[in-house]
Amino acid sequence: MTKRELNKKLKSKTLEIRNGLYLKDGVVQVLRAREKKFWHSKDCTEVDIRIYAKIESTLGGYETLDYYGPRAVRKFLRREDSKVKSTISSWVKLWGFTSNVKVNSIELVSRKWQLLNL
């Protein structure tokens, strides 16, 4: 299978994020995955994703991603305890990429049906 066919197959599926720390109802779509090889460090898989989720606010309620600033949300989603990287890592490992994942770009979606209908 070529890389183009593989990325089409990755893009056609959506992943559900199990409830993590401060995160619930997460749905992720991997748009593109590519291997990066380095001579001086560990190889990694760079991914572009599209995501919908609800994040816990300081008042205890859950708000959608557009409630917060985009920079703060992207920083939060790249953290290990948000379970986004581990979900993506297990998915791309099934398709033959390395499990060391680096999230390159994050596209935020404000409604769940927008992600499922694309």
Protein backbone atom coordinates (compact mmCIF):
# COMPACT_ATOMS: atom_id res chain seq x y z
CA MET A 1 0.00 0.00 0.00
CA THR A 2 1.41 3.41 -0.95
CA LYS A 3 1.63 6.31 1.48
CA ARG A 4 -1.18 8.14 -0.36
CA GLU A 5 -3.53 5.16 -0.03
CA LEU A 6 -2.55 4.78 3.61
CA ASN A 7 -3.32 8.41 4.40
CA LYS A 8 -6.70 8.13 2.66
CA LYS A 9 -7.51 5.14 4.85
CA LEU A 10 -6.37 6.99 8.00
CA LYS A 11 -8.48 10.02 7.07
CA SER A 12 -11.61 7.95 6.48
CA LYS A 13 -11.92 6.84 10.14
CA THR A 14 -12.63 8.79 13.31
CA LEU A 15 -11.21 7.83 16.70
CA GLU A 16 -12.93 8.19 20.03
CA ILE A 17 -10.86 9.47 22.94
CA ARG A 18 -11.68 7.82 26.21
CA ASN A 19 -12.42 10.27 28.98
CA GLY A 20 -9.12 11.70 30.11
CA LEU A 21 -8.06 14.24 32.67
CA TYR A 22 -10.20 17.37 32.02
CA LEU A 23 -11.39 15.95 28.67
CA LYS A 24 -14.57 14.16 27.58
CA ASP A 25 -16.50 13.24 24.42
CA GLY A 26 -13.38 13.51 22.26
CA VAL A 27 -13.40 12.57 18.58
CA VAL A 28 -10.20 12.73 16.51
CA GLN A 29 -9.56 12.34 12.79
CA VAL A 30 -6.01 11.79 11.59
CA LEU A 31 -5.66 13.79 8.38
CA ARG A 32 -2.09 12.89 7.51
CA ALA A 33 0.70 10.84 9.02
CA ARG A 34 4.32 10.80 7.91
CA GLU A 35 7.54 9.35 9.26
CA LYS A 36 10.39 11.64 10.19
CA LYS A 37 13.81 10.04 10.39
CA PHE A 38 16.58 11.74 12.32
CA TRP A 39 20.23 10.74 12.51
CA HIS A 40 20.75 12.41 15.90
CA SER A 41 17.58 11.35 17.75
CA LYS A 42 14.70 8.91 17.83
CA ASP A 43 12.49 8.60 14.73
CA CYS A 44 8.95 9.90 15.08
CA THR A 45 5.64 10.05 13.28
CA GLU A 46 4.31 13.53 12.54
CA VAL A 47 0.52 13.78 12.32
CA ASP A 48 -2.03 16.40 11.35
CA ILE A 49 -5.35 16.03 13.16
CA ARG A 50 -8.88 17.41 13.27
CA ILE A 51 -10.51 17.25 16.72
CA TYR A 52 -13.73 17.83 18.63
CA ALA A 53 -13.87 17.56 22.43
CA LYS A 54 -15.21 19.10 25.60
CA ILE A 55 -12.77 20.46 28.17
CA GLU A 56 -13.51 20.96 31.86
CA SER A 57 -13.59 24.60 32.91
CA THR A 58 -12.45 25.93 36.27
CA LEU A 59 -16.10 26.10 37.39
CA GLY A 60 -16.53 22.35 36.86
CA GLY A 61 -18.67 22.37 33.71
CA TYR A 62 -17.55 21.11 30.31
CA GLU A 63 -17.14 23.56 27.42
CA THR A 64 -16.38 22.99 23.72
CA LEU A 65 -12.99 23.84 22.24
CA ASP A 66 -14.10 27.20 20.82
CA TYR A 67 -14.82 28.48 24.37
CA TYR A 68 -11.08 28.85 25.01
CA GLY A 69 -8.37 30.54 22.97
CA PRO A 70 -6.95 28.41 20.14
CA ARG A 71 -3.36 28.63 21.37
CA ALA A 72 -4.22 27.50 24.90
CA VAL A 73 -6.35 24.61 23.60
CA ARG A 74 -3.66 23.37 21.21
CA LYS A 75 -1.08 23.50 24.00
CA PHE A 76 -3.40 21.50 26.25
CA LEU A 77 -4.15 18.88 23.58
CA ARG A 78 -0.43 18.24 23.00
CA ARG A 79 0.06 17.30 26.68
CA GLU A 80 0.41 13.62 27.58
CA ASP A 81 -2.39 13.57 30.16
CA SER A 82 -5.03 14.66 27.63
CA LYS A 83 -4.86 11.17 26.03
CA VAL A 84 -4.88 12.61 22.49
CA LYS A 85 -1.31 11.54 21.73
CA SER A 86 -1.77 8.05 23.17
CA THR A 87 -4.96 7.49 21.14
CA ILE A 88 -3.27 8.63 17.94
CA SER A 89 -0.15 6.62 18.76
CA SER A 90 -2.06 3.37 19.06
CA TRP A 91 -3.96 4.09 15.82
CA VAL A 92 -0.94 4.89 13.64
CA LYS A 93 0.98 1.95 15.11
CA LEU A 94 -1.66 -0.34 13.58
CA TRP A 95 -0.80 1.05 10.13
CA GLY A 96 2.95 0.48 10.46
CA PHE A 97 4.19 3.87 11.66
CA THR A 98 6.36 4.32 14.73
CA SER A 99 4.49 4.85 17.99
CA ASN A 100 6.52 7.95 18.93
CA VAL A 101 4.00 10.63 17.81
CA LYS A 102 4.49 14.36 17.36
CA VAL A 103 1.32 16.35 16.67
CA ASN A 104 2.18 18.84 13.94
CA SER A 105 -1.06 20.72 13.28
CA ILE A 106 -4.39 20.68 15.06
CA GLU A 107 -7.61 21.78 13.40
CA LEU A 108 -10.34 22.55 15.93
CA VAL A 109 -13.96 21.68 15.11
CA SER A 110 -16.75 23.32 17.11
CA ARG A 111 -19.48 20.76 16.40
CA LYS A 112 -19.27 16.97 16.48
CA TRP A 113 -21.41 16.46 13.36
CA GLN A 114 -19.02 18.67 11.35
CA LEU A 115 -16.25 16.17 12.00
CA LEU A 116 -18.35 13.11 11.29
CA ASN A 117 -19.80 14.46 8.02
CA LEU A 118 -16.52 15.64 6.43
